[in-house]
Amino acid sequence: MDKRNFAFGRVNFIMMAVSMLIVVVGFILMSGGSSDEHQFNPEIFSTMRVKVAPIVCFIGFVSMICAIMIKPKDAGSNETTTHGETAE
């Protein structure tokens, strides 16, 4: 199977993996202890869980969209012909 038949290139897959890792880190930052019926835990309103983690997730989702939208470079196409003339 030719590499030209793939919708995504190697760079796309690497960027998607990094983006997914960023999203997972964002969700891990959101997790933590919770309040129960007997005790209130004010840590649920911490800055990291309310502001930082959603921003990290948003950056991961936007970078995932960018990774999908970037067109892979064709290794087989070049701008010159065999005689050194430029293709028009």
PDB file of N, CA and C in Angstrom:
ATOM      1  N   MET A   1       0.838  -1.175   0.000  1.00  0.00           N
ATOM      2  CA  MET A   1       0.000   0.000   0.000  1.00  0.00           C
ATOM      3  C   MET A   1       0.885   1.241   0.000  1.00  0.00           C
ATOM      4  N   ASP A   2       0.609   2.185  -0.867  1.00  0.00           N
ATOM      5  CA  ASP A   2       1.389   3.407  -0.958  1.00  0.00           C
ATOM      6  C   ASP A   2       1.143   4.311   0.232  1.00  0.00           C
ATOM      7  N   LYS A   3       2.179   5.050   0.618  1.00  0.00           N
ATOM      8  CA  LYS A   3       2.018   6.038   1.679  1.00  0.00           C
ATOM      9  C   LYS A   3       1.141   7.197   1.220  1.00  0.00           C
ATOM     10  N   ARG A   4       1.040   7.418  -0.061  1.00  0.00           N
ATOM     11  CA  ARG A   4       0.239   8.519  -0.587  1.00  0.00           C
ATOM     12  C   ARG A   4      -1.255   8.298  -0.381  1.00  0.00           C
ATOM     13  N   ASN A   5      -1.663   7.070  -0.075  1.00  0.00           N
ATOM     14  CA  ASN A   5      -3.078   6.781   0.114  1.00  0.00           C
ATOM     15  C   ASN A   5      -3.564   7.082   1.522  1.00  0.00           C
ATOM     16  N   PHE A   6      -2.666   7.340   2.460  1.00  0.00           N
ATOM     17  CA  PHE A   6      -3.070   7.644   3.822  1.00  0.00           C
ATOM     18  C   PHE A   6      -3.578   9.073   3.916  1.00  0.00           C
ATOM     19  N   ALA A   7      -4.593   9.279   4.733  1.00  0.00           N
ATOM     20  CA  ALA A   7      -5.149  10.622   4.910  1.00  0.00           C
ATOM     21  C   ALA A   7      -4.232  11.486   5.759  1.00  0.00           C
ATOM     22  N   PHE A   8      -3.523  10.875   6.700  1.00  0.00           N
ATOM     23  CA  PHE A   8      -2.641  11.610   7.600  1.00  0.00           C
ATOM     24  C   PHE A   8      -1.209  11.138   7.434  1.00  0.00           C
ATOM     25  N   GLY A   9      -0.289  12.049   7.663  1.00  0.00           N
ATOM     26  CA  GLY A   9       1.124  11.712   7.621  1.00  0.00           C
ATOM     27  C   GLY A   9       1.649  11.411   9.014  1.00  0.00           C
ATOM     28  N   ARG A  10       2.923  11.151   9.086  1.00  0.00           N
ATOM     29  CA  ARG A  10       3.549  10.817  10.366  1.00  0.00           C
ATOM     30  C   ARG A  10       3.457  11.977  11.341  1.00  0.00           C
ATOM     31  N   VAL A  11       3.657  13.194  10.852  1.00  0.00           N
ATOM     32  CA  VAL A  11       3.596  14.383  11.707  1.00  0.00           C
ATOM     33  C   VAL A  11       2.195  14.540  12.286  1.00  0.00           C
ATOM     34  N   ASN A  12       1.172  14.249  11.484  1.00  0.00           N
ATOM     35  CA  ASN A  12      -0.207  14.340  11.966  1.00  0.00           C
ATOM     36  C   ASN A  12      -0.448  13.379  13.130  1.00  0.00           C
ATOM     37  N   PHE A  13       0.026  12.153  12.991  1.00  0.00           N
ATOM     38  CA  PHE A  13      -0.186  11.173  14.043  1.00  0.00           C
ATOM     39  C   PHE A  13       0.571  11.551  15.315  1.00  0.00           C
ATOM     40  N   ILE A  14       1.774  12.070  15.171  1.00  0.00           N
ATOM     41  CA  ILE A  14       2.540  12.494  16.348  1.00  0.00           C
ATOM     42  C   ILE A  14       1.843  13.658  17.045  1.00  0.00           C
ATOM     43  N   MET A  15       1.368  14.625  16.251  1.00  0.00           N
ATOM     44  CA  MET A  15       0.668  15.766  16.845  1.00  0.00           C
ATOM     45  C   MET A  15      -0.641  15.332  17.514  1.00  0.00           C
ATOM     46  N   MET A  16      -1.342  14.368  16.934  1.00  0.00           N
ATOM     47  CA  MET A  16      -2.573  13.881  17.558  1.00  0.00           C
ATOM     48  C   MET A  16      -2.287  13.158  18.869  1.00  0.00           C
ATOM     49  N   ALA A  17      -1.202  12.397  18.913  1.00  0.00           N
ATOM     50  CA  ALA A  17      -0.844  11.696  20.154  1.00  0.00           C
ATOM     51  C   ALA A  17      -0.476  12.690  21.256  1.00  0.00           C
ATOM     52  N   VAL A  18       0.297  13.721  20.895  1.00  0.00           N
ATOM     53  CA  VAL A  18       0.665  14.744  21.887  1.00  0.00           C
ATOM     54  C   VAL A  18      -0.576  15.499  22.348  1.00  0.00           C
ATOM     55  N   SER A  19      -1.467  15.802  21.434  1.00  0.00           N
ATOM     56  CA  SER A  19      -2.704  16.497  21.787  1.00  0.00           C
ATOM     57  C   SER A  19      -3.551  15.664  22.733  1.00  0.00           C
ATOM     58  N   MET A  20      -3.655  14.378  22.463  1.00  0.00           N
ATOM     59  CA  MET A  20      -4.423  13.498  23.336  1.00  0.00           C
ATOM     60  C   MET A  20      -3.791  13.415  24.716  1.00  0.00           C
ATOM     61  N   LEU A  21      -2.476  13.415  24.773  1.00  0.00           N
ATOM     62  CA  LEU A  21      -1.780  13.409  26.057  1.00  0.00           C
ATOM     63  C   LEU A  21      -2.071  14.692  26.838  1.00  0.00           C
ATOM     64  N   ILE A  22      -2.116  15.834  26.155  1.00  0.00           N
ATOM     65  CA  ILE A  22      -2.431  17.106  26.805  1.00  0.00           C
ATOM     66  C   ILE A  22      -3.851  17.081  27.361  1.00  0.00           C
ATOM     67  N   VAL A  23      -4.795  16.528  26.608  1.00  0.00           N
ATOM     68  CA  VAL A  23      -6.179  16.435  27.079  1.00  0.00           C
ATOM     69  C   VAL A  23      -6.262  15.542  28.314  1.00  0.00           C
ATOM     70  N   VAL A  24      -5.569  14.416  28.293  1.00  0.00           N
ATOM     71  CA  VAL A  24      -5.581  13.501  29.431  1.00  0.00           C
ATOM     72  C   VAL A  24      -4.979  14.177  30.667  1.00  0.00           C
ATOM     73  N   VAL A  25      -3.900  14.922  30.484  1.00  0.00           N
ATOM     74  CA  VAL A  25      -3.297  15.654  31.608  1.00  0.00           C
ATOM     75  C   VAL A  25      -4.295  16.667  32.167  1.00  0.00           C
ATOM     76  N   GLY A  26      -5.032  17.346  31.293  1.00  0.00           N
ATOM     77  CA  GLY A  26      -6.045  18.290  31.747  1.00  0.00           C
ATOM     78  C   GLY A  26      -7.118  17.624  32.583  1.00  0.00           C
ATOM     79  N   PHE A  27      -7.582  16.461  32.148  1.00  0.00           N
ATOM     80  CA  PHE A  27      -8.595  15.748  32.929  1.00  0.00           C
ATOM     81  C   PHE A  27      -8.033  15.232  34.249  1.00  0.00           C
ATOM     82  N   ILE A  28      -6.771  14.831  34.264  1.00  0.00           N
ATOM     83  CA  ILE A  28      -6.147  14.400  35.521  1.00  0.00           C
ATOM     84  C   ILE A  28      -6.049  15.572  36.491  1.00  0.00           C
ATOM     85  N   LEU A  29      -5.727  16.768  35.965  1.00  0.00           N
ATOM     86  CA  LEU A  29      -5.673  17.948  36.826  1.00  0.00           C
ATOM     87  C   LEU A  29      -7.051  18.274  37.408  1.00  0.00           C
ATOM     88  N   MET A  30      -8.117  17.971  36.696  1.00  0.00           N
ATOM     89  CA  MET A  30      -9.473  18.230  37.193  1.00  0.00           C
ATOM     90  C   MET A  30      -9.903  17.243  38.269  1.00  0.00           C
ATOM     91  N   SER A  31      -9.308  16.073  38.288  1.00  0.00           N
ATOM     92  CA  SER A  31      -9.729  15.062  39.247  1.00  0.00           C
ATOM     93  C   SER A  31      -9.176  15.376  40.632  1.00  0.00           C
ATOM     94  N   GLY A  32      -9.687  14.685  41.589  1.00  0.00           N
ATOM     95  CA  GLY A  32      -9.220  14.877  42.958  1.00  0.00           C
ATOM     96  C   GLY A  32     -10.290  14.480  43.943  1.00  0.00           C
ATOM     97  N   GLY A  33     -10.040  14.796  45.205  1.00  0.00           N
ATOM     98  CA  GLY A  33     -10.983  14.466  46.259  1.00  0.00           C
ATOM     99  C   GLY A  33     -12.280  15.230  46.104  1.00  0.00           C
ATOM    100  N   SER A  34     -13.326  14.667  46.647  1.00  0.00           N
ATOM    101  CA  SER A  34     -14.624  15.310  46.543  1.00  0.00           C
ATOM    102  C   SER A  34     -15.241  15.446  47.927  1.00  0.00           C
ATOM    103  N   SER A  35     -16.289  16.205  48.006  1.00  0.00           N
ATOM    104  CA  SER A  35     -17.037  16.339  49.250  1.00  0.00           C
ATOM    105  C   SER A  35     -17.972  15.150  49.400  1.00  0.00           C
ATOM    106  N   ASP A  36     -18.262  14.805  50.627  1.00  0.00           N
ATOM    107  CA  ASP A  36     -19.261  13.771  50.870  1.00  0.00           C
ATOM    108  C   ASP A  36     -20.374  14.364  51.734  1.00  0.00           C
ATOM    109  N   GLU A  37     -21.311  13.547  52.124  1.00  0.00           N
ATOM    110  CA  GLU A  37     -22.465  14.073  52.843  1.00  0.00           C
ATOM    111  C   GLU A  37     -22.146  14.513  54.271  1.00  0.00           C
ATOM    112  N   HIS A  38     -20.999  14.121  54.788  1.00  0.00           N
ATOM    113  CA  HIS A  38     -20.656  14.474  56.166  1.00  0.00           C
ATOM    114  C   HIS A  38     -19.615  15.581  56.261  1.00  0.00           C
ATOM    115  N   GLN A  39     -18.853  15.793  55.209  1.00  0.00           N
ATOM    116  CA  GLN A  39     -17.758  16.755  55.283  1.00  0.00           C
ATOM    117  C   GLN A  39     -17.618  17.479  53.947  1.00  0.00           C
ATOM    118  N   PHE A  40     -17.480  18.805  54.015  1.00  0.00           N
ATOM    119  CA  PHE A  40     -17.289  19.624  52.818  1.00  0.00           C
ATOM    120  C   PHE A  40     -15.801  19.808  52.576  1.00  0.00           C
ATOM    121  N   ASN A  41     -15.371  19.608  51.350  1.00  0.00           N
ATOM    122  CA  ASN A  41     -13.973  19.775  50.983  1.00  0.00           C
ATOM    123  C   ASN A  41     -13.863  21.014  50.098  1.00  0.00           C
ATOM    124  N   PRO A  42     -13.292  22.132  50.598  1.00  0.00           N
ATOM    125  CA  PRO A  42     -13.199  23.349  49.777  1.00  0.00           C
ATOM    126  C   PRO A  42     -12.207  23.226  48.618  1.00  0.00           C
ATOM    127  N   GLU A  43     -11.464  22.136  48.563  1.00  0.00           N
ATOM    128  CA  GLU A  43     -10.480  21.925  47.500  1.00  0.00           C
ATOM    129  C   GLU A  43     -11.146  21.746  46.132  1.00  0.00           C
ATOM    130  N   ILE A  44     -12.443  21.471  46.111  1.00  0.00           N
ATOM    131  CA  ILE A  44     -13.123  21.300  44.825  1.00  0.00           C
ATOM    132  C   ILE A  44     -13.197  22.610  44.051  1.00  0.00           C
ATOM    133  N   PHE A  45     -13.005  23.733  44.720  1.00  0.00           N
ATOM    134  CA  PHE A  45     -13.028  25.036  44.063  1.00  0.00           C
ATOM    135  C   PHE A  45     -11.636  25.640  43.900  1.00  0.00           C
ATOM    136  N   SER A  46     -10.603  24.813  43.892  1.00  0.00           N
ATOM    137  CA  SER A  46      -9.240  25.318  43.748  1.00  0.00           C
ATOM    138  C   SER A  46      -9.019  25.889  42.352  1.00  0.00           C
ATOM    139  N   THR A  47      -8.067  26.784  42.242  1.00  0.00           N
ATOM    140  CA  THR A  47      -7.765  27.437  40.964  1.00  0.00           C
ATOM    141  C   THR A  47      -7.325  26.424  39.914  1.00  0.00           C
ATOM    142  N   MET A  48      -6.570  25.425  40.342  1.00  0.00           N
ATOM    143  CA  MET A  48      -6.087  24.431  39.385  1.00  0.00           C
ATOM    144  C   MET A  48      -7.249  23.653  38.769  1.00  0.00           C
ATOM    145  N   ARG A  49      -8.229  23.284  39.568  1.00  0.00           N
ATOM    146  CA  ARG A  49      -9.336  22.469  39.076  1.00  0.00           C
ATOM    147  C   ARG A  49     -10.382  23.275  38.314  1.00  0.00           C
ATOM    148  N   VAL A  50     -10.513  24.566  38.630  1.00  0.00           N
ATOM    149  CA  VAL A  50     -11.569  25.370  38.025  1.00  0.00           C
ATOM    150  C   VAL A  50     -11.068  26.164  36.820  1.00  0.00           C
ATOM    151  N   LYS A  51      -9.812  26.601  36.831  1.00  0.00           N
ATOM    152  CA  LYS A  51      -9.312  27.461  35.758  1.00  0.00           C
ATOM    153  C   LYS A  51      -8.213  26.819  34.923  1.00  0.00           C
ATOM    154  N   VAL A  52      -7.204  26.270  35.562  1.00  0.00           N
ATOM    155  CA  VAL A  52      -6.032  25.764  34.841  1.00  0.00           C
ATOM    156  C   VAL A  52      -6.367  24.504  34.032  1.00  0.00           C
ATOM    157  N   ALA A  53      -7.019  23.545  34.653  1.00  0.00           N
ATOM    158  CA  ALA A  53      -7.309  22.277  33.975  1.00  0.00           C
ATOM    159  C   ALA A  53      -8.209  22.452  32.753  1.00  0.00           C
ATOM    160  N   PRO A  54      -9.289  23.252  32.813  1.00  0.00           N
ATOM    161  CA  PRO A  54     -10.073  23.440  31.576  1.00  0.00           C
ATOM    162  C   PRO A  54      -9.291  24.136  30.473  1.00  0.00           C
ATOM    163  N   ILE A  55      -8.397  25.054  30.819  1.00  0.00           N
ATOM    164  CA  ILE A  55      -7.576  25.721  29.805  1.00  0.00           C
ATOM    165  C   ILE A  55      -6.627  24.716  29.156  1.00  0.00           C
ATOM    166  N   VAL A  56      -6.047  23.836  29.961  1.00  0.00           N
ATOM    167  CA  VAL A  56      -5.154  22.802  29.424  1.00  0.00           C
ATOM    168  C   VAL A  56      -5.930  21.874  28.487  1.00  0.00           C
ATOM    169  N   CYS A  57      -7.138  21.480  28.880  1.00  0.00           N
ATOM    170  CA  CYS A  57      -7.968  20.636  28.008  1.00  0.00           C
ATOM    171  C   CYS A  57      -8.318  21.363  26.714  1.00  0.00           C
ATOM    172  N   PHE A  58      -8.660  22.638  26.818  1.00  0.00           N
ATOM    173  CA  PHE A  58      -9.002  23.416  25.631  1.00  0.00           C
ATOM    174  C   PHE A  58      -7.819  23.489  24.672  1.00  0.00           C
ATOM    175  N   ILE A  59      -6.623  23.719  25.203  1.00  0.00           N
ATOM    176  CA  ILE A  59      -5.419  23.754  24.367  1.00  0.00           C
ATOM    177  C   ILE A  59      -5.203  22.397  23.691  1.00  0.00           C
ATOM    178  N   GLY A  60      -5.459  21.315  24.421  1.00  0.00           N
ATOM    179  CA  GLY A  60      -5.329  19.982  23.834  1.00  0.00           C
ATOM    180  C   GLY A  60      -6.318  19.743  22.711  1.00  0.00           C
ATOM    181  N   PHE A  61      -7.579  20.192  22.905  1.00  0.00           N
ATOM    182  CA  PHE A  61      -8.588  20.010  21.861  1.00  0.00           C
ATOM    183  C   PHE A  61      -8.286  20.856  20.629  1.00  0.00           C
ATOM    184  N   VAL A  62      -7.832  22.082  20.835  1.00  0.00           N
ATOM    185  CA  VAL A  62      -7.491  22.951  19.698  1.00  0.00           C
ATOM    186  C   VAL A  62      -6.295  22.392  18.937  1.00  0.00           C
ATOM    187  N   SER A  63      -5.301  21.889  19.667  1.00  0.00           N
ATOM    188  CA  SER A  63      -4.143  21.312  18.989  1.00  0.00           C
ATOM    189  C   SER A  63      -4.520  20.020  18.256  1.00  0.00           C
ATOM    190  N   MET A  64      -5.524  19.297  18.753  1.00  0.00           N
ATOM    191  CA  MET A  64      -6.009  18.110  18.044  1.00  0.00           C
ATOM    192  C   MET A  64      -6.655  18.516  16.724  1.00  0.00           C
ATOM    193  N   ILE A  65      -7.440  19.585  16.739  1.00  0.00           N
ATOM    194  CA  ILE A  65      -8.048  20.081  15.509  1.00  0.00           C
ATOM    195  C   ILE A  65      -6.969  20.512  14.520  1.00  0.00           C
ATOM    196  N   CYS A  66      -5.938  21.205  15.017  1.00  0.00           N
ATOM    197  CA  CYS A  66      -4.832  21.621  14.143  1.00  0.00           C
ATOM    198  C   CYS A  66      -4.102  20.410  13.566  1.00  0.00           C
ATOM    199  N   ALA A  67      -3.916  19.378  14.387  1.00  0.00           N
ATOM    200  CA  ALA A  67      -3.232  18.168  13.913  1.00  0.00           C
ATOM    201  C   ALA A  67      -4.028  17.485  12.810  1.00  0.00           C
ATOM    202  N   ILE A  68      -5.341  17.553  12.888  1.00  0.00           N
ATOM    203  CA  ILE A  68      -6.176  16.945  11.854  1.00  0.00           C
ATOM    204  C   ILE A  68      -6.182  17.802  10.597  1.00  0.00           C
ATOM    205  N   MET A  69      -6.171  19.120  10.759  1.00  0.00           N
ATOM    206  CA  MET A  69      -6.305  20.023   9.621  1.00  0.00           C
ATOM    207  C   MET A  69      -5.024  20.204   8.809  1.00  0.00           C
ATOM    208  N   ILE A  70      -3.867  19.972   9.422  1.00  0.00           N
ATOM    209  CA  ILE A  70      -2.599  20.159   8.709  1.00  0.00           C
ATOM    210  C   ILE A  70      -2.490  19.120   7.597  1.00  0.00           C
ATOM    211  N   LYS A  71      -2.213  19.601   6.399  1.00  0.00           N
ATOM    212  CA  LYS A  71      -2.085  18.707   5.246  1.00  0.00           C
ATOM    213  C   LYS A  71      -0.696  18.071   5.250  1.00  0.00           C
ATOM    214  N   PRO A  72      -0.614  16.751   5.139  1.00  0.00           N
ATOM    215  CA  PRO A  72       0.708  16.111   5.110  1.00  0.00           C
ATOM    216  C   PRO A  72       1.450  16.463   3.832  1.00  0.00           C
ATOM    217  N   LYS A  73       2.762  16.549   3.946  1.00  0.00           N
ATOM    218  CA  LYS A  73       3.600  16.862   2.787  1.00  0.00           C
ATOM    219  C   LYS A  73       3.745  15.617   1.924  1.00  0.00           C
ATOM    220  N   ASP A  74       3.647  15.806   0.602  1.00  0.00           N
ATOM    221  CA  ASP A  74       3.875  14.703  -0.321  1.00  0.00           C
ATOM    222  C   ASP A  74       5.367  14.573  -0.581  1.00  0.00           C
ATOM    223  N   ALA A  75       5.924  13.405  -0.259  1.00  0.00           N
ATOM    224  CA  ALA A  75       7.348  13.188  -0.474  1.00  0.00           C
ATOM    225  C   ALA A  75       7.649  12.948  -1.950  1.00  0.00           C
ATOM    226  N   GLY A  76       6.675  12.461  -2.718  1.00  0.00           N
ATOM    227  CA  GLY A  76       6.904  12.123  -4.113  1.00  0.00           C
ATOM    228  C   GLY A  76       6.766  13.285  -5.068  1.00  0.00           C
ATOM    229  N   SER A  77       6.134  14.376  -4.647  1.00  0.00           N
ATOM    230  CA  SER A  77       5.939  15.494  -5.573  1.00  0.00           C
ATOM    231  C   SER A  77       7.025  16.534  -5.374  1.00  0.00           C
ATOM    232  N   ASN A  78       7.540  17.043  -6.482  1.00  0.00           N
ATOM    233  CA  ASN A  78       8.494  18.152  -6.411  1.00  0.00           C
ATOM    234  C   ASN A  78       8.133  19.153  -7.497  1.00  0.00           C
ATOM    235  N   GLU A  79       8.658  20.329  -7.402  1.00  0.00           N
ATOM    236  CA  GLU A  79       8.263  21.416  -8.286  1.00  0.00           C
ATOM    237  C   GLU A  79       9.040  21.457  -9.600  1.00  0.00           C
ATOM    238  N   THR A  80      10.067  20.664  -9.768  1.00  0.00           N
ATOM    239  CA  THR A  80      10.861  20.707 -10.998  1.00  0.00           C
ATOM    240  C   THR A  80      10.650  19.434 -11.795  1.00  0.00           C
ATOM    241  N   THR A  81      10.812  19.549 -13.089  1.00  0.00           N
ATOM    242  CA  THR A  81      10.715  18.379 -13.955  1.00  0.00           C
ATOM    243  C   THR A  81      12.083  17.704 -14.013  1.00  0.00           C
ATOM    244  N   THR A  82      12.178  16.649 -14.803  1.00  0.00           N
ATOM    245  CA  THR A  82      13.443  15.914 -14.890  1.00  0.00           C
ATOM    246  C   THR A  82      14.542  16.710 -15.604  1.00  0.00           C
ATOM    247  N   HIS A  83      14.168  17.705 -16.388  1.00  0.00           N
ATOM    248  CA  HIS A  83      15.160  18.481 -17.124  1.00  0.00           C
ATOM    249  C   HIS A  83      15.539  19.763 -16.398  1.00  0.00           C
ATOM    250  N   GLY A  84      15.073  19.926 -15.180  1.00  0.00           N
ATOM    251  CA  GLY A  84      15.432  21.119 -14.419  1.00  0.00           C
ATOM    252  C   GLY A  84      14.525  22.297 -14.671  1.00  0.00           C
ATOM    253  N   GLU A  85      13.520  22.143 -15.506  1.00  0.00           N
ATOM    254  CA  GLU A  85      12.595  23.228 -15.761  1.00  0.00           C
ATOM    255  C   GLU A  85      11.514  23.222 -14.694  1.00  0.00           C
ATOM    256  N   THR A  86      11.026  24.380 -14.350  1.00  0.00           N
ATOM    257  CA  THR A  86       9.964  24.453 -13.347  1.00  0.00           C
ATOM    258  C   THR A  86       8.629  24.098 -13.954  1.00  0.00           C
ATOM    259  N   ALA A  87       7.832  23.383 -13.178  1.00  0.00           N
ATOM    260  CA  ALA A  87       6.495  22.995 -13.648  1.00  0.00           C
ATOM    261  C   ALA A  87       5.541  24.152 -13.434  1.00  0.00           C
ATOM    262  N   GLU A  88       4.645  24.372 -14.378  1.00  0.00           N
ATOM    263  CA  GLU A  88       3.687  25.471 -14.271  1.00  0.00           C
ATOM    264  C   GLU A  88       2.282  24.960 -14.256  1.00  0.00           C
TER     265      GLU A  88
END
